Amino acid sequence: MVPLAHTAVLKNYLAVSQQLDLNPYQLLSDAGIYPAQLQDSTQRIPVDKAVALLEQSAQLSGCESFGLYMAEQRQLADFGELSLLLSYQHTLRDGLYTIVQYRNLINNALEMYIEEVGHTVIIRVEVITAATEYSRQAIELALGITHRFCAAFLQRWQPLSIHFTHDAPHDTAMHQRMFGCSLEFGSEFNGIVCNATELDKTNPHANTTMLAHAKRFLETDLLHRESESSIIFDIRKSIHLLLPMGRATIDQVAHTHGVNVRTLQRRLEAAHTNFSVLINDVRRNLVFRYLKNLNYSLGQVSDILGYSMPSSFTRWFSSEFGMSPTTWRNNNKTVMKS
């Protein structure tokens, strides 16, 4: 499956790139995206092309916060087909869970999980594409859009902290201006932490009747899109997000997708794979992202990949790559980051 997203994901691209003295039309062409496609926000483009465009633009402009600049002016109306449904939700919690439910309508590569722990909520966000390379710009764009949604929905929105698995940029001024709270770079997850009370704040524009109309319209579209979706890619996204939480079990993933374990197993069998194969693939794709960063100890890498004991992680890594993770780090010091 080729992950697709509405061209709305590139809203503000032309303006931001021109402000940074780039030629957006040439860059769009190089990425295989037609400028005319940006005029219709309902058109869908390969996510990998959009991500490559963001990374190339950030590199050429020297702007490490390119994705955040694109997210800065986002409004509720920029959620396309979801905008109407989101506008009439009763609480921020309802709005966020609506994005979780319908996320594939706007971006197949987006994965979101809302974790409530006591009086605190973690909104975990990942962008998972067919490519294995991590994208700073895609993650910051996704987190920026999520933050802007919360701010537009509540008017007064104050998260506790924003978390990024990547390193801090040389200048965090844009991040401070955008989020206005504690920033945690080199974190074990990408996401937003806030008080649980924020999610219970009511929307003054909530409307049950209009909500029902908007939902009926979307359900028809959702049924069509689900037939185009890849069960393998969707399960990989869930595993990717749940691994650092220690919850990437077949029971939890099945629950996340609203089915029982046996149904999930049958669907994977029909796609000629199984849960163990998928979780192993995700670990292989993630492991080097963290091993290359010396800010993560081997114990932390072990936890992030869902191993309860570092020795279990070492055995798995050795069986997959023919050496221990310590040896790999010693042999690849030139690619290390700190």
C-alpha atoms as a PDB file:
ATOM      1  CA  MET A   1       0.000   0.000   0.000  1.00  0.00           C
ATOM      2  CA  VAL A   2       1.176   3.525  -0.839  1.00  0.00           C
ATOM      3  CA  PRO A   3       0.154   5.808   2.070  1.00  0.00           C
ATOM      4  CA  LEU A   4      -1.848   8.781   0.791  1.00  0.00           C
ATOM      5  CA  ALA A   5      -2.789  12.146   2.283  1.00  0.00           C
ATOM      6  CA  HIS A   6      -4.970  15.039   1.204  1.00  0.00           C
ATOM      7  CA  THR A   7      -2.975  17.850  -0.380  1.00  0.00           C
ATOM      8  CA  ALA A   8      -4.219  19.929   2.575  1.00  0.00           C
ATOM      9  CA  VAL A   9      -1.207  18.472   4.395  1.00  0.00           C
ATOM     10  CA  LEU A  10       0.867  20.913   2.308  1.00  0.00           C
ATOM     11  CA  LYS A  11      -1.268  23.959   3.109  1.00  0.00           C
ATOM     12  CA  ASN A  12       0.958  27.044   3.512  1.00  0.00           C
ATOM     13  CA  TYR A  13       3.838  25.306   1.708  1.00  0.00           C
ATOM     14  CA  LEU A  14       3.978  27.884  -1.089  1.00  0.00           C
ATOM     15  CA  ALA A  15       3.932  30.853   1.292  1.00  0.00           C
ATOM     16  CA  VAL A  16       6.502  29.448   3.727  1.00  0.00           C
ATOM     17  CA  SER A  17       8.936  28.336   1.028  1.00  0.00           C
ATOM     18  CA  GLN A  18       8.733  31.701  -0.740  1.00  0.00           C
ATOM     19  CA  GLN A  19       9.346  33.526   2.550  1.00  0.00           C
ATOM     20  CA  LEU A  20      12.501  31.444   2.905  1.00  0.00           C
ATOM     21  CA  ASP A  21      13.647  32.368  -0.637  1.00  0.00           C
ATOM     22  CA  LEU A  22      12.996  28.942  -2.141  1.00  0.00           C
ATOM     23  CA  ASN A  23      11.467  28.172  -5.530  1.00  0.00           C
ATOM     24  CA  PRO A  24       8.453  26.088  -4.427  1.00  0.00           C
ATOM     25  CA  TYR A  25       7.333  25.247  -7.949  1.00  0.00           C
ATOM     26  CA  GLN A  26      10.660  23.679  -8.845  1.00  0.00           C
ATOM     27  CA  LEU A  27      10.753  21.745  -5.573  1.00  0.00           C
ATOM     28  CA  LEU A  28       7.193  20.502  -6.066  1.00  0.00           C
ATOM     29  CA  SER A  29       8.096  19.355  -9.557  1.00  0.00           C
ATOM     30  CA  ASP A  30      11.220  17.598  -8.286  1.00  0.00           C
ATOM     31  CA  ALA A  31       9.066  15.777  -5.718  1.00  0.00           C
ATOM     32  CA  GLY A  32       6.585  14.659  -8.374  1.00  0.00           C
ATOM     33  CA  ILE A  33       3.756  16.893  -7.138  1.00  0.00           C
ATOM     34  CA  TYR A  34       1.876  19.228  -9.487  1.00  0.00           C
ATOM     35  CA  PRO A  35       1.305  22.750  -8.096  1.00  0.00           C
ATOM     36  CA  ALA A  36      -2.277  22.590  -9.396  1.00  0.00           C
ATOM     37  CA  GLN A  37      -2.942  19.722  -6.991  1.00  0.00           C
ATOM     38  CA  LEU A  38      -2.516  22.097  -4.064  1.00  0.00           C
ATOM     39  CA  GLN A  39      -5.536  24.084  -5.248  1.00  0.00           C
ATOM     40  CA  ASP A  40      -7.863  21.183  -4.416  1.00  0.00           C
ATOM     41  CA  SER A  41      -7.369  20.116  -0.806  1.00  0.00           C
ATOM     42  CA  THR A  42      -9.381  16.911  -1.345  1.00  0.00           C
ATOM     43  CA  GLN A  43      -6.906  15.485  -3.864  1.00  0.00           C
ATOM     44  CA  ARG A  44      -4.679  12.764  -2.456  1.00  0.00           C
ATOM     45  CA  ILE A  45      -0.932  12.463  -2.980  1.00  0.00           C
ATOM     46  CA  PRO A  46       1.639   9.888  -1.812  1.00  0.00           C
ATOM     47  CA  VAL A  47       2.764  10.766   1.710  1.00  0.00           C
ATOM     48  CA  ASP A  48       6.358   9.798   0.904  1.00  0.00           C
ATOM     49  CA  LYS A  49       6.463  12.530  -1.764  1.00  0.00           C
ATOM     50  CA  ALA A  50       5.149  15.134   0.671  1.00  0.00           C
ATOM     51  CA  VAL A  51       7.651  14.086   3.348  1.00  0.00           C
ATOM     52  CA  ALA A  52      10.560  14.182   0.887  1.00  0.00           C
ATOM     53  CA  LEU A  53       9.444  17.661  -0.182  1.00  0.00           C
ATOM     54  CA  LEU A  54       9.436  18.918   3.414  1.00  0.00           C
ATOM     55  CA  GLU A  55      12.856  17.489   4.201  1.00  0.00           C
ATOM     56  CA  GLN A  56      14.389  18.841   0.985  1.00  0.00           C
ATOM     57  CA  SER A  57      12.873  22.279   1.587  1.00  0.00           C
ATOM     58  CA  ALA A  58      14.150  22.382   5.167  1.00  0.00           C
ATOM     59  CA  GLN A  59      17.632  21.393   4.048  1.00  0.00           C
ATOM     60  CA  LEU A  60      17.849  23.903   1.192  1.00  0.00           C
ATOM     61  CA  SER A  61      16.453  26.771   3.259  1.00  0.00           C
ATOM     62  CA  GLY A  62      18.524  25.953   6.333  1.00  0.00           C
ATOM     63  CA  CYS A  63      15.318  26.199   8.365  1.00  0.00           C
ATOM     64  CA  GLU A  64      15.109  23.330  10.846  1.00  0.00           C
ATOM     65  CA  SER A  65      11.582  24.417  11.840  1.00  0.00           C
ATOM     66  CA  PHE A  66      10.101  24.348   8.327  1.00  0.00           C
ATOM     67  CA  GLY A  67       7.277  21.980   9.328  1.00  0.00           C
ATOM     68  CA  LEU A  68       6.300  24.162  12.277  1.00  0.00           C
ATOM     69  CA  TYR A  69       6.106  27.268  10.107  1.00  0.00           C
ATOM     70  CA  MET A  70       3.645  25.398   7.874  1.00  0.00           C
ATOM     71  CA  ALA A  71       1.542  24.413  10.890  1.00  0.00           C
ATOM     72  CA  GLU A  72       1.531  27.844  12.535  1.00  0.00           C
ATOM     73  CA  GLN A  73      -1.580  29.236  10.820  1.00  0.00           C
ATOM     74  CA  ARG A  74      -3.648  26.044  10.683  1.00  0.00           C
ATOM     75  CA  GLN A  75      -7.333  26.327  11.557  1.00  0.00           C
ATOM     76  CA  LEU A  76     -10.186  23.908  12.214  1.00  0.00           C
ATOM     77  CA  ALA A  77     -11.411  24.397   8.639  1.00  0.00           C
ATOM     78  CA  ASP A  78      -8.145  22.932   7.338  1.00  0.00           C
ATOM     79  CA  PHE A  79      -9.178  19.407   8.356  1.00  0.00           C
ATOM     80  CA  GLY A  80     -11.124  19.029   5.105  1.00  0.00           C
ATOM     81  CA  GLU A  81     -13.919  16.466   5.284  1.00  0.00           C
ATOM     82  CA  LEU A  82     -13.469  16.207   9.048  1.00  0.00           C
ATOM     83  CA  SER A  83     -13.854  19.938   9.708  1.00  0.00           C
ATOM     84  CA  LEU A  84     -17.635  19.947  10.080  1.00  0.00           C
ATOM     85  CA  LEU A  85     -17.677  16.872  12.296  1.00  0.00           C
ATOM     86  CA  LEU A  86     -14.915  18.273  14.507  1.00  0.00           C
ATOM     87  CA  SER A  87     -16.572  21.675  14.811  1.00  0.00           C
ATOM     88  CA  TYR A  88     -19.664  20.246  16.521  1.00  0.00           C
ATOM     89  CA  GLN A  89     -18.009  17.871  19.008  1.00  0.00           C
ATOM     90  CA  HIS A  90     -18.927  18.450  22.665  1.00  0.00           C
ATOM     91  CA  THR A  91     -15.468  18.270  24.271  1.00  0.00           C
ATOM     92  CA  LEU A  92     -11.824  18.274  23.227  1.00  0.00           C
ATOM     93  CA  ARG A  93     -11.722  14.586  24.162  1.00  0.00           C
ATOM     94  CA  ASP A  94     -14.522  13.928  21.651  1.00  0.00           C
ATOM     95  CA  GLY A  95     -12.652  15.932  19.028  1.00  0.00           C
ATOM     96  CA  LEU A  96      -9.367  14.081  19.501  1.00  0.00           C
ATOM     97  CA  TYR A  97     -11.006  10.669  19.444  1.00  0.00           C
ATOM     98  CA  THR A  98     -12.805  11.709  16.254  1.00  0.00           C
ATOM     99  CA  ILE A  99      -9.427  12.421  14.637  1.00  0.00           C
ATOM    100  CA  VAL A 100      -8.206   9.009  15.816  1.00  0.00           C
ATOM    101  CA  GLN A 101     -11.278   7.311  14.331  1.00  0.00           C
ATOM    102  CA  TYR A 102     -11.222   9.068  10.959  1.00  0.00           C
ATOM    103  CA  ARG A 103      -7.493   9.794  10.550  1.00  0.00           C
ATOM    104  CA  ASN A 104      -7.214   7.609   7.431  1.00  0.00           C
ATOM    105  CA  LEU A 105      -9.600   9.937   5.621  1.00  0.00           C
ATOM    106  CA  ILE A 106      -7.029  12.718   5.703  1.00  0.00           C
ATOM    107  CA  ASN A 107      -3.677  10.949   6.027  1.00  0.00           C
ATOM    108  CA  ASN A 108      -3.007   7.200   5.861  1.00  0.00           C
ATOM    109  CA  ALA A 109       0.413   7.701   7.443  1.00  0.00           C
ATOM    110  CA  LEU A 110      -0.892   9.404  10.587  1.00  0.00           C
ATOM    111  CA  GLU A 111      -1.156   7.375  13.781  1.00  0.00           C
ATOM    112  CA  MET A 112      -2.486   8.839  17.027  1.00  0.00           C
ATOM    113  CA  TYR A 113      -3.070   7.308  20.441  1.00  0.00           C
ATOM    114  CA  ILE A 114      -4.537   9.016  23.492  1.00  0.00           C
ATOM    115  CA  GLU A 115      -3.210   7.692  26.783  1.00  0.00           C
ATOM    116  CA  GLU A 116      -4.864   8.834  30.007  1.00  0.00           C
ATOM    117  CA  VAL A 117      -2.796   8.307  33.159  1.00  0.00           C
ATOM    118  CA  GLY A 118      -4.419   9.689  36.294  1.00  0.00           C
ATOM    119  CA  HIS A 119      -4.742  13.447  35.920  1.00  0.00           C
ATOM    120  CA  THR A 120      -2.451  13.559  32.873  1.00  0.00           C
ATOM    121  CA  VAL A 121      -3.067  12.824  29.192  1.00  0.00           C
ATOM    122  CA  ILE A 122      -0.462  11.925  26.563  1.00  0.00           C
ATOM    123  CA  ILE A 123      -1.460  12.498  22.931  1.00  0.00           C
ATOM    124  CA  ARG A 124       1.026  10.348  21.030  1.00  0.00           C
ATOM    125  CA  VAL A 125       1.535  11.180  17.357  1.00  0.00           C
ATOM    126  CA  GLU A 126       3.544   9.397  14.671  1.00  0.00           C
ATOM    127  CA  VAL A 127       3.896   9.710  10.901  1.00  0.00           C
ATOM    128  CA  ILE A 128       4.696   6.289   9.491  1.00  0.00           C
ATOM    129  CA  THR A 129       5.487   6.076   5.787  1.00  0.00           C
ATOM    130  CA  ALA A 130       6.639   3.375   3.415  1.00  0.00           C
ATOM    131  CA  ALA A 131      10.180   4.767   3.737  1.00  0.00           C
ATOM    132  CA  THR A 132      12.209   3.739   6.775  1.00  0.00           C
ATOM    133  CA  GLU A 133      13.864   7.128   7.361  1.00  0.00           C
ATOM    134  CA  TYR A 134      12.568   9.239  10.243  1.00  0.00           C
ATOM    135  CA  SER A 135      11.297  12.688   9.264  1.00  0.00           C
ATOM    136  CA  ARG A 136      11.762  15.566  11.716  1.00  0.00           C
ATOM    137  CA  GLN A 137       9.690  17.869   9.504  1.00  0.00           C
ATOM    138  CA  ALA A 138       6.738  15.485   9.173  1.00  0.00           C
ATOM    139  CA  ILE A 139       6.617  14.867  12.924  1.00  0.00           C
ATOM    140  CA  GLU A 140       6.828  18.560  13.791  1.00  0.00           C
ATOM    141  CA  LEU A 141       4.162  19.391  11.204  1.00  0.00           C
ATOM    142  CA  ALA A 142       1.853  16.716  12.654  1.00  0.00           C
ATOM    143  CA  LEU A 143       2.453  17.840  16.245  1.00  0.00           C
ATOM    144  CA  GLY A 144       2.024  21.470  15.237  1.00  0.00           C
ATOM    145  CA  ILE A 145      -1.300  20.743  13.525  1.00  0.00           C
ATOM    146  CA  THR A 146      -2.520  18.744  16.536  1.00  0.00           C
ATOM    147  CA  HIS A 147      -1.554  21.608  18.844  1.00  0.00           C
ATOM    148  CA  ARG A 148      -3.286  24.151  16.595  1.00  0.00           C
ATOM    149  CA  PHE A 149      -6.436  22.001  16.547  1.00  0.00           C
ATOM    150  CA  CYS A 150      -6.556  21.955  20.344  1.00  0.00           C
ATOM    151  CA  ALA A 151      -5.976  25.705  20.495  1.00  0.00           C
ATOM    152  CA  ALA A 152      -8.684  26.422  17.901  1.00  0.00           C
ATOM    153  CA  PHE A 153     -11.154  24.107  19.631  1.00  0.00           C
ATOM    154  CA  LEU A 154     -10.679  25.496  23.146  1.00  0.00           C
ATOM    155  CA  GLN A 155      -9.483  29.051  22.456  1.00  0.00           C
ATOM    156  CA  ARG A 156      -7.520  28.800  25.722  1.00  0.00           C
ATOM    157  CA  TRP A 157      -5.279  25.762  25.493  1.00  0.00           C
ATOM    158  CA  GLN A 158      -2.152  25.229  27.563  1.00  0.00           C
ATOM    159  CA  PRO A 159      -0.299  21.908  27.242  1.00  0.00           C
ATOM    160  CA  LEU A 160       2.198  20.889  29.897  1.00  0.00           C
ATOM    161  CA  SER A 161       4.949  19.761  27.509  1.00  0.00           C
ATOM    162  CA  ILE A 162       5.712  18.773  23.917  1.00  0.00           C
ATOM    163  CA  HIS A 163       7.899  15.728  23.257  1.00  0.00           C
ATOM    164  CA  PHE A 164      10.113  14.900  20.268  1.00  0.00           C
ATOM    165  CA  THR A 165      12.253  11.816  19.757  1.00  0.00           C
ATOM    166  CA  HIS A 166      14.692  13.834  17.635  1.00  0.00           C
ATOM    167  CA  ASP A 167      17.363  16.233  18.866  1.00  0.00           C
ATOM    168  CA  ALA A 168      16.751  19.916  19.529  1.00  0.00           C
ATOM    169  CA  PRO A 169      17.357  22.337  16.649  1.00  0.00           C
ATOM    170  CA  HIS A 170      20.067  24.956  16.973  1.00  0.00           C
ATOM    171  CA  ASP A 171      17.385  27.585  17.614  1.00  0.00           C
ATOM    172  CA  THR A 172      14.197  26.694  19.521  1.00  0.00           C
ATOM    173  CA  ALA A 173      12.610  30.161  19.256  1.00  0.00           C
ATOM    174  CA  MET A 174       9.961  28.962  16.800  1.00  0.00           C
ATOM    175  CA  HIS A 175       9.110  25.993  19.000  1.00  0.00           C
ATOM    176  CA  GLN A 176       8.739  28.250  22.031  1.00  0.00           C
ATOM    177  CA  ARG A 177       6.532  30.659  20.109  1.00  0.00           C
ATOM    178  CA  MET A 178       4.379  27.872  18.710  1.00  0.00           C
ATOM    179  CA  PHE A 179       3.847  25.772  21.823  1.00  0.00           C
ATOM    180  CA  GLY A 180       4.582  28.102  24.745  1.00  0.00           C
ATOM    181  CA  CYS A 181       5.400  25.287  27.151  1.00  0.00           C
ATOM    182  CA  SER A 182       8.192  22.915  28.183  1.00  0.00           C
ATOM    183  CA  LEU A 183       9.944  21.230  25.241  1.00  0.00           C
ATOM    184  CA  GLU A 184      11.432  17.756  25.623  1.00  0.00           C
ATOM    185  CA  PHE A 185      13.795  16.766  22.806  1.00  0.00           C
ATOM    186  CA  GLY A 186      15.358  13.301  22.683  1.00  0.00           C
ATOM    187  CA  SER A 187      12.233  11.955  24.352  1.00  0.00           C
ATOM    188  CA  GLU A 188      11.024   8.360  24.093  1.00  0.00           C
ATOM    189  CA  PHE A 189       7.919   9.440  22.163  1.00  0.00           C
ATOM    190  CA  ASN A 190       6.500  12.164  19.932  1.00  0.00           C
ATOM    191  CA  GLY A 191       3.479  13.791  21.484  1.00  0.00           C
ATOM    192  CA  ILE A 192       1.721  16.338  23.649  1.00  0.00           C
ATOM    193  CA  VAL A 193       1.231  16.091  27.413  1.00  0.00           C
ATOM    194  CA  CYS A 194      -1.623  18.003  29.048  1.00  0.00           C
ATOM    195  CA  ASN A 195      -3.886  17.972  32.087  1.00  0.00           C
ATOM    196  CA  ALA A 196      -6.857  15.610  31.793  1.00  0.00           C
ATOM    197  CA  THR A 197      -9.166  18.501  32.655  1.00  0.00           C
ATOM    198  CA  GLU A 198      -8.284  20.110  29.302  1.00  0.00           C
ATOM    199  CA  LEU A 199      -9.989  17.244  27.478  1.00  0.00           C
ATOM    200  CA  ASP A 200     -13.248  17.770  29.366  1.00  0.00           C
ATOM    201  CA  LYS A 201     -13.615  21.433  28.481  1.00  0.00           C
ATOM    202  CA  THR A 202     -16.772  21.982  26.439  1.00  0.00           C
ATOM    203  CA  ASN A 203     -17.108  23.391  22.948  1.00  0.00           C
ATOM    204  CA  PRO A 204     -19.488  26.403  22.822  1.00  0.00           C
ATOM    205  CA  HIS A 205     -20.381  25.457  19.229  1.00  0.00           C
ATOM    206  CA  ALA A 206     -21.367  21.856  20.028  1.00  0.00           C
ATOM    207  CA  ASN A 207     -24.498  20.765  18.160  1.00  0.00           C
ATOM    208  CA  THR A 208     -25.871  17.228  18.417  1.00  0.00           C
ATOM    209  CA  THR A 209     -28.112  17.494  15.333  1.00  0.00           C
ATOM    210  CA  MET A 210     -25.397  18.845  13.053  1.00  0.00           C
ATOM    211  CA  LEU A 211     -22.999  16.274  14.487  1.00  0.00           C
ATOM    212  CA  ALA A 212     -25.292  13.445  13.383  1.00  0.00           C
ATOM    213  CA  HIS A 213     -25.598  14.875   9.849  1.00  0.00           C
ATOM    214  CA  ALA A 214     -21.825  15.269   9.495  1.00  0.00           C
ATOM    215  CA  LYS A 215     -21.202  11.757  10.809  1.00  0.00           C
ATOM    216  CA  ARG A 216     -23.621  10.137   8.333  1.00  0.00           C
ATOM    217  CA  PHE A 217     -21.837  11.880   5.471  1.00  0.00           C
ATOM    218  CA  LEU A 218     -18.425  10.710   6.644  1.00  0.00           C
ATOM    219  CA  GLU A 219     -19.487   7.121   7.318  1.00  0.00           C
ATOM    220  CA  THR A 220     -20.267   6.635   3.623  1.00  0.00           C
ATOM    221  CA  ASP A 221     -16.834   7.936   2.643  1.00  0.00           C
ATOM    222  CA  LEU A 222     -15.146   5.874   5.347  1.00  0.00           C
ATOM    223  CA  LEU A 223     -16.631   2.601   4.094  1.00  0.00           C
ATOM    224  CA  HIS A 224     -15.226   3.323   0.639  1.00  0.00           C
ATOM    225  CA  ARG A 225     -11.788   4.247   1.958  1.00  0.00           C
ATOM    226  CA  GLU A 226     -11.594   1.203   4.223  1.00  0.00           C
ATOM    227  CA  SER A 227     -11.926  -1.029   1.197  1.00  0.00           C
ATOM    228  CA  GLU A 228      -8.793   0.653  -0.189  1.00  0.00           C
ATOM    229  CA  SER A 229      -6.852   0.366   3.058  1.00  0.00           C
ATOM    230  CA  SER A 230      -4.092  -2.131   3.762  1.00  0.00           C
ATOM    231  CA  ILE A 231      -4.533  -4.145   6.953  1.00  0.00           C
ATOM    232  CA  ILE A 232      -0.779  -4.751   7.071  1.00  0.00           C
ATOM    233  CA  PHE A 233       0.103  -1.056   6.966  1.00  0.00           C
ATOM    234  CA  ASP A 234      -2.575  -0.164   9.530  1.00  0.00           C
ATOM    235  CA  ILE A 235      -1.367  -2.807  11.993  1.00  0.00           C
ATOM    236  CA  ARG A 236       2.257  -1.726  11.499  1.00  0.00           C
ATOM    237  CA  LYS A 237       1.248   1.838  12.393  1.00  0.00           C
ATOM    238  CA  SER A 238      -0.412   0.675  15.601  1.00  0.00           C
ATOM    239  CA  ILE A 239       2.588  -1.456  16.588  1.00  0.00           C
ATOM    240  CA  HIS A 240       4.917   1.467  15.902  1.00  0.00           C
ATOM    241  CA  LEU A 241       2.966   3.688  18.286  1.00  0.00           C
ATOM    242  CA  LEU A 242       2.285   1.105  21.013  1.00  0.00           C
ATOM    243  CA  LEU A 243       5.802  -0.386  21.263  1.00  0.00           C
ATOM    244  CA  PRO A 244       7.343   2.366  23.445  1.00  0.00           C
ATOM    245  CA  MET A 245       4.369   2.041  25.789  1.00  0.00           C
ATOM    246  CA  GLY A 246       4.935  -1.686  26.263  1.00  0.00           C
ATOM    247  CA  ARG A 247       1.479  -2.319  24.817  1.00  0.00           C
ATOM    248  CA  ALA A 248       2.224  -3.735  21.383  1.00  0.00           C
ATOM    249  CA  THR A 249       0.453  -7.022  22.107  1.00  0.00           C
ATOM    250  CA  ILE A 250      -1.946  -8.651  19.695  1.00  0.00           C
ATOM    251  CA  ASP A 251      -4.743  -8.163  22.245  1.00  0.00           C
ATOM    252  CA  GLN A 252      -4.110  -4.419  22.514  1.00  0.00           C
ATOM    253  CA  VAL A 253      -3.715  -3.927  18.763  1.00  0.00           C
ATOM    254  CA  ALA A 254      -6.927  -5.856  18.086  1.00  0.00           C
ATOM    255  CA  HIS A 255      -8.727  -3.700  20.664  1.00  0.00           C
ATOM    256  CA  THR A 256      -7.352  -0.544  19.045  1.00  0.00           C
ATOM    257  CA  HIS A 257      -8.864  -1.633  15.725  1.00  0.00           C
ATOM    258  CA  GLY A 258     -12.188  -2.604  17.272  1.00  0.00           C
ATOM    259  CA  VAL A 259     -11.953  -6.348  16.566  1.00  0.00           C
ATOM    260  CA  ASN A 260     -11.204  -9.472  18.582  1.00  0.00           C
ATOM    261  CA  VAL A 261      -7.879 -11.289  18.377  1.00  0.00           C
ATOM    262  CA  ARG A 262      -9.163 -14.108  16.190  1.00  0.00           C
ATOM    263  CA  THR A 263     -10.603 -11.675  13.650  1.00  0.00           C
ATOM    264  CA  LEU A 264      -7.295  -9.818  13.480  1.00  0.00           C
ATOM    265  CA  GLN A 265      -5.411 -13.095  13.038  1.00  0.00           C
ATOM    266  CA  ARG A 266      -7.716 -14.134  10.189  1.00  0.00           C
ATOM    267  CA  ARG A 267      -7.228 -10.809   8.416  1.00  0.00           C
ATOM    268  CA  LEU A 268      -3.462 -11.064   8.723  1.00  0.00           C
ATOM    269  CA  GLU A 269      -3.522 -14.666   7.499  1.00  0.00           C
ATOM    270  CA  ALA A 270      -5.554 -13.537   4.487  1.00  0.00           C
ATOM    271  CA  ALA A 271      -2.779 -11.004   3.806  1.00  0.00           C
ATOM    272  CA  HIS A 272      -0.180 -13.823   4.065  1.00  0.00           C
ATOM    273  CA  THR A 273       1.465 -12.609   7.265  1.00  0.00           C
ATOM    274  CA  ASN A 274       1.069 -12.762  11.041  1.00  0.00           C
ATOM    275  CA  PHE A 275       1.455 -10.502  14.066  1.00  0.00           C
ATOM    276  CA  SER A 276       4.928 -11.763  15.023  1.00  0.00           C
ATOM    277  CA  VAL A 277       6.293 -10.979  11.562  1.00  0.00           C
ATOM    278  CA  LEU A 278       4.886  -7.443  11.660  1.00  0.00           C
ATOM    279  CA  ILE A 279       6.186  -6.628  15.132  1.00  0.00           C
ATOM    280  CA  ASN A 280       9.625  -7.907  14.126  1.00  0.00           C
ATOM    281  CA  ASP A 281       9.584  -5.742  10.977  1.00  0.00           C
ATOM    282  CA  VAL A 282       8.690  -2.644  12.987  1.00  0.00           C
ATOM    283  CA  ARG A 283      11.491  -3.317  15.464  1.00  0.00           C
ATOM    284  CA  ARG A 284      13.982  -3.696  12.605  1.00  0.00           C
ATOM    285  CA  ASN A 285      12.842  -0.367  11.163  1.00  0.00           C
ATOM    286  CA  LEU A 286      13.016   1.477  14.483  1.00  0.00           C
ATOM    287  CA  VAL A 287      16.111   0.083  16.144  1.00  0.00           C
ATOM    288  CA  PHE A 288      18.775   2.015  14.227  1.00  0.00           C
ATOM    289  CA  ARG A 289      16.998   5.344  14.720  1.00  0.00           C
ATOM    290  CA  TYR A 290      17.646   4.977  18.447  1.00  0.00           C
ATOM    291  CA  LEU A 291      21.009   3.191  18.320  1.00  0.00           C
ATOM    292  CA  LYS A 292      22.436   6.049  16.243  1.00  0.00           C
ATOM    293  CA  ASN A 293      21.547   8.502  18.999  1.00  0.00           C
ATOM    294  CA  LEU A 294      23.912   8.235  21.971  1.00  0.00           C
ATOM    295  CA  ASN A 295      21.385  10.066  24.144  1.00  0.00           C
ATOM    296  CA  TYR A 296      19.571   6.730  24.333  1.00  0.00           C
ATOM    297  CA  SER A 297      21.179   4.077  26.511  1.00  0.00           C
ATOM    298  CA  LEU A 298      20.828   0.457  25.416  1.00  0.00           C
ATOM    299  CA  GLY A 299      18.395   0.011  28.288  1.00  0.00           C
ATOM    300  CA  GLN A 300      16.218   2.805  26.907  1.00  0.00           C
ATOM    301  CA  VAL A 301      16.360   1.360  23.391  1.00  0.00           C
ATOM    302  CA  SER A 302      15.316  -1.979  24.846  1.00  0.00           C
ATOM    303  CA  ASP A 303      12.300  -0.367  26.551  1.00  0.00           C
ATOM    304  CA  ILE A 304      11.273   1.582  23.454  1.00  0.00           C
ATOM    305  CA  LEU A 305      11.269  -1.608  21.370  1.00  0.00           C
ATOM    306  CA  GLY A 306       9.065  -3.348  23.911  1.00  0.00           C
ATOM    307  CA  TYR A 307      11.577  -5.597  25.690  1.00  0.00           C
ATOM    308  CA  SER A 308      11.250  -5.953  29.454  1.00  0.00           C
ATOM    309  CA  MET A 309      14.916  -6.971  29.808  1.00  0.00           C
ATOM    310  CA  PRO A 310      17.990  -5.573  27.978  1.00  0.00           C
ATOM    311  CA  SER A 311      19.277  -9.146  27.623  1.00  0.00           C
ATOM    312  CA  SER A 312      16.188 -10.054  25.570  1.00  0.00           C
ATOM    313  CA  PHE A 313      16.834  -7.083  23.297  1.00  0.00           C
ATOM    314  CA  THR A 314      20.491  -8.088  22.888  1.00  0.00           C
ATOM    315  CA  ARG A 315      19.523 -11.654  21.941  1.00  0.00           C
ATOM    316  CA  TRP A 316      16.998 -10.406  19.389  1.00  0.00           C
ATOM    317  CA  PHE A 317      19.439  -7.899  17.870  1.00  0.00           C
ATOM    318  CA  SER A 318      22.217 -10.488  17.637  1.00  0.00           C
ATOM    319  CA  SER A 319      19.926 -12.986  15.911  1.00  0.00           C
ATOM    320  CA  GLU A 320      18.753 -10.350  13.409  1.00  0.00           C
ATOM    321  CA  PHE A 321      22.039  -8.587  12.637  1.00  0.00           C
ATOM    322  CA  GLY A 322      24.781 -11.011  13.653  1.00  0.00           C
ATOM    323  CA  MET A 323      26.315  -8.835  16.376  1.00  0.00           C
ATOM    324  CA  SER A 324      25.380  -7.259  19.694  1.00  0.00           C
ATOM    325  CA  PRO A 325      23.982  -3.699  19.807  1.00  0.00           C
ATOM    326  CA  THR A 326      27.128  -2.622  21.669  1.00  0.00           C
ATOM    327  CA  THR A 327      29.308  -3.982  18.865  1.00  0.00           C
ATOM    328  CA  TRP A 328      27.132  -2.255  16.263  1.00  0.00           C
ATOM    329  CA  ARG A 329      27.583   1.071  18.031  1.00  0.00           C
ATOM    330  CA  ASN A 330      31.336   0.579  18.283  1.00  0.00           C
ATOM    331  CA  ASN A 331      31.528  -0.248  14.561  1.00  0.00           C
ATOM    332  CA  ASN A 332      29.386   2.706  13.467  1.00  0.00           C
ATOM    333  CA  LYS A 333      30.698   5.644  15.473  1.00  0.00           C
ATOM    334  CA  THR A 334      30.772   7.857  12.376  1.00  0.00           C
ATOM    335  CA  VAL A 335      26.950   7.896  12.153  1.00  0.00           C
ATOM    336  CA  MET A 336      26.367   8.524  15.852  1.00  0.00           C
ATOM    337  CA  LYS A 337      24.601  11.621  17.153  1.00  0.00           C
ATOM    338  CA  SER A 338      24.753  13.012  20.665  1.00  0.00           C
END
